Amino acid sequence: MPTANQAAATAAPKENSLPPIVRDYLEHVRGRPEMILNLLPDYLDSLWKEATDYSRRYGVPSPIRRDEVEALRVLVATRNFSRGLT
């Protein structure tokens, strides 16, 4: 039977344990308008799902806030509307 320390060690997130899509977003997309304007709605769905799954799995706050994803959705919808892609 694992000790309390062993159980805590296996439950804690490890360095670089973020899902790849979340890590890529945080490192390469966030804060870069030229990248943000090229996001697809499916990407945002996957990003939010992976971020919340990570949060639940490790019992830590989500690395990406819901309001951030919703704001990105508005930008993508506006971009699509202005390009006639609705």
C-alpha atoms as a PDB file:
ATOM      1  CA  MET A   1       0.000   0.000   0.000  1.00  0.00           C
ATOM      2  CA  PRO A   2       1.493   3.409  -0.943  1.00  0.00           C
ATOM      3  CA  THR A   3       2.402   5.844   1.791  1.00  0.00           C
ATOM      4  CA  ALA A   4       0.760   9.269   1.949  1.00  0.00           C
ATOM      5  CA  ASN A   5       3.889  10.851   0.434  1.00  0.00           C
ATOM      6  CA  GLN A   6       3.918   8.374  -2.450  1.00  0.00           C
ATOM      7  CA  ALA A   7       0.229   8.974  -3.147  1.00  0.00           C
ATOM      8  CA  ALA A   8       0.745  12.748  -3.111  1.00  0.00           C
ATOM      9  CA  ALA A   9       3.736  12.439  -5.427  1.00  0.00           C
ATOM     10  CA  THR A  10       1.769  10.458  -7.989  1.00  0.00           C
ATOM     11  CA  ALA A  11      -1.209  12.857  -7.843  1.00  0.00           C
ATOM     12  CA  ALA A  12       0.827  16.063  -8.201  1.00  0.00           C
ATOM     13  CA  PRO A  13       1.376  17.426 -11.702  1.00  0.00           C
ATOM     14  CA  LYS A  14       4.876  16.844 -12.942  1.00  0.00           C
ATOM     15  CA  GLU A  15       7.034  19.360 -14.740  1.00  0.00           C
ATOM     16  CA  ASN A  16       6.013  19.622 -18.393  1.00  0.00           C
ATOM     17  CA  SER A  17       2.927  17.518 -17.697  1.00  0.00           C
ATOM     18  CA  LEU A  18       0.610  19.969 -19.434  1.00  0.00           C
ATOM     19  CA  PRO A  19      -1.182  18.455 -22.407  1.00  0.00           C
ATOM     20  CA  PRO A  20       0.661  19.370 -25.638  1.00  0.00           C
ATOM     21  CA  ILE A  21      -2.134  21.606 -26.976  1.00  0.00           C
ATOM     22  CA  VAL A  22      -2.221  23.593 -23.713  1.00  0.00           C
ATOM     23  CA  ARG A  23       1.559  23.897 -23.522  1.00  0.00           C
ATOM     24  CA  ASP A  24       1.761  25.013 -27.175  1.00  0.00           C
ATOM     25  CA  TYR A  25      -0.972  27.595 -26.643  1.00  0.00           C
ATOM     26  CA  LEU A  26       0.734  29.030 -23.553  1.00  0.00           C
ATOM     27  CA  GLU A  27       4.183  29.099 -25.169  1.00  0.00           C
ATOM     28  CA  HIS A  28       3.400  30.081 -28.757  1.00  0.00           C
ATOM     29  CA  VAL A  29      -0.101  31.524 -29.155  1.00  0.00           C
ATOM     30  CA  ARG A  30      -1.166  33.492 -26.073  1.00  0.00           C
ATOM     31  CA  GLY A  31      -0.472  37.191 -26.530  1.00  0.00           C
ATOM     32  CA  ARG A  32       0.389  36.899 -30.225  1.00  0.00           C
ATOM     33  CA  PRO A  33      -2.404  38.490 -32.280  1.00  0.00           C
ATOM     34  CA  GLU A  34      -1.055  37.143 -35.568  1.00  0.00           C
ATOM     35  CA  MET A  35      -1.467  33.608 -34.214  1.00  0.00           C
ATOM     36  CA  ILE A  36      -4.770  34.224 -32.437  1.00  0.00           C
ATOM     37  CA  LEU A  37      -6.427  35.440 -35.627  1.00  0.00           C
ATOM     38  CA  ASN A  38      -5.705  32.074 -37.256  1.00  0.00           C
ATOM     39  CA  LEU A  39      -7.321  29.903 -34.573  1.00  0.00           C
ATOM     40  CA  LEU A  40     -10.141  27.560 -35.516  1.00  0.00           C
ATOM     41  CA  PRO A  41     -13.223  26.900 -33.361  1.00  0.00           C
ATOM     42  CA  ASP A  42     -12.262  23.205 -33.096  1.00  0.00           C
ATOM     43  CA  TYR A  43      -8.881  24.224 -31.687  1.00  0.00           C
ATOM     44  CA  LEU A  44     -10.593  26.266 -28.969  1.00  0.00           C
ATOM     45  CA  ASP A  45     -12.884  23.343 -28.101  1.00  0.00           C
ATOM     46  CA  SER A  46      -9.900  21.003 -27.771  1.00  0.00           C
ATOM     47  CA  LEU A  47      -7.883  23.573 -25.843  1.00  0.00           C
ATOM     48  CA  TRP A  48     -10.637  24.087 -23.265  1.00  0.00           C
ATOM     49  CA  LYS A  49     -11.298  20.354 -22.915  1.00  0.00           C
ATOM     50  CA  GLU A  50      -7.625  19.526 -22.364  1.00  0.00           C
ATOM     51  CA  ALA A  51      -7.152  22.406 -19.902  1.00  0.00           C
ATOM     52  CA  THR A  52     -10.175  21.406 -17.809  1.00  0.00           C
ATOM     53  CA  ASP A  53      -9.285  17.701 -17.932  1.00  0.00           C
ATOM     54  CA  TYR A  54      -5.805  18.582 -16.651  1.00  0.00           C
ATOM     55  CA  SER A  55      -7.319  20.708 -13.897  1.00  0.00           C
ATOM     56  CA  ARG A  56      -9.642  17.922 -12.748  1.00  0.00           C
ATOM     57  CA  ARG A  57      -6.972  15.235 -12.980  1.00  0.00           C
ATOM     58  CA  TYR A  58      -4.520  17.070 -10.745  1.00  0.00           C
ATOM     59  CA  GLY A  59      -6.910  19.144  -8.622  1.00  0.00           C
ATOM     60  CA  VAL A  60      -5.249  22.403  -9.655  1.00  0.00           C
ATOM     61  CA  PRO A  61      -6.667  25.554 -11.250  1.00  0.00           C
ATOM     62  CA  SER A  62      -7.023  25.414 -15.005  1.00  0.00           C
ATOM     63  CA  PRO A  63      -3.965  26.873 -16.759  1.00  0.00           C
ATOM     64  CA  ILE A  64      -6.379  28.693 -19.084  1.00  0.00           C
ATOM     65  CA  ARG A  65      -9.378  30.669 -17.865  1.00  0.00           C
ATOM     66  CA  ARG A  66     -12.829  30.155 -19.352  1.00  0.00           C
ATOM     67  CA  ASP A  67     -13.266  33.883 -20.033  1.00  0.00           C
ATOM     68  CA  GLU A  68     -10.049  33.817 -22.080  1.00  0.00           C
ATOM     69  CA  VAL A  69     -11.384  31.000 -24.265  1.00  0.00           C
ATOM     70  CA  GLU A  70     -14.754  32.736 -24.629  1.00  0.00           C
ATOM     71  CA  ALA A  71     -13.038  35.983 -25.681  1.00  0.00           C
ATOM     72  CA  LEU A  72     -11.063  34.028 -28.279  1.00  0.00           C
ATOM     73  CA  ARG A  73     -14.325  32.508 -29.546  1.00  0.00           C
ATOM     74  CA  VAL A  74     -15.728  36.023 -30.046  1.00  0.00           C
ATOM     75  CA  LEU A  75     -12.607  37.044 -31.975  1.00  0.00           C
ATOM     76  CA  VAL A  76     -12.780  33.964 -34.185  1.00  0.00           C
ATOM     77  CA  ALA A  77     -16.513  34.453 -34.841  1.00  0.00           C
ATOM     78  CA  THR A  78     -15.947  38.132 -35.676  1.00  0.00           C
ATOM     79  CA  ARG A  79     -13.094  37.234 -38.006  1.00  0.00           C
ATOM     80  CA  ASN A  80     -15.206  34.590 -39.723  1.00  0.00           C
ATOM     81  CA  PHE A  81     -18.139  36.998 -40.076  1.00  0.00           C
ATOM     82  CA  SER A  82     -15.946  39.718 -41.568  1.00  0.00           C
ATOM     83  CA  ARG A  83     -14.544  37.182 -44.053  1.00  0.00           C
ATOM     84  CA  GLY A  84     -18.022  35.919 -44.917  1.00  0.00           C
ATOM     85  CA  LEU A  85     -17.324  32.490 -43.416  1.00  0.00           C
ATOM     86  CA  THR A  86     -20.332  32.255 -41.097  1.00  0.00           C
END
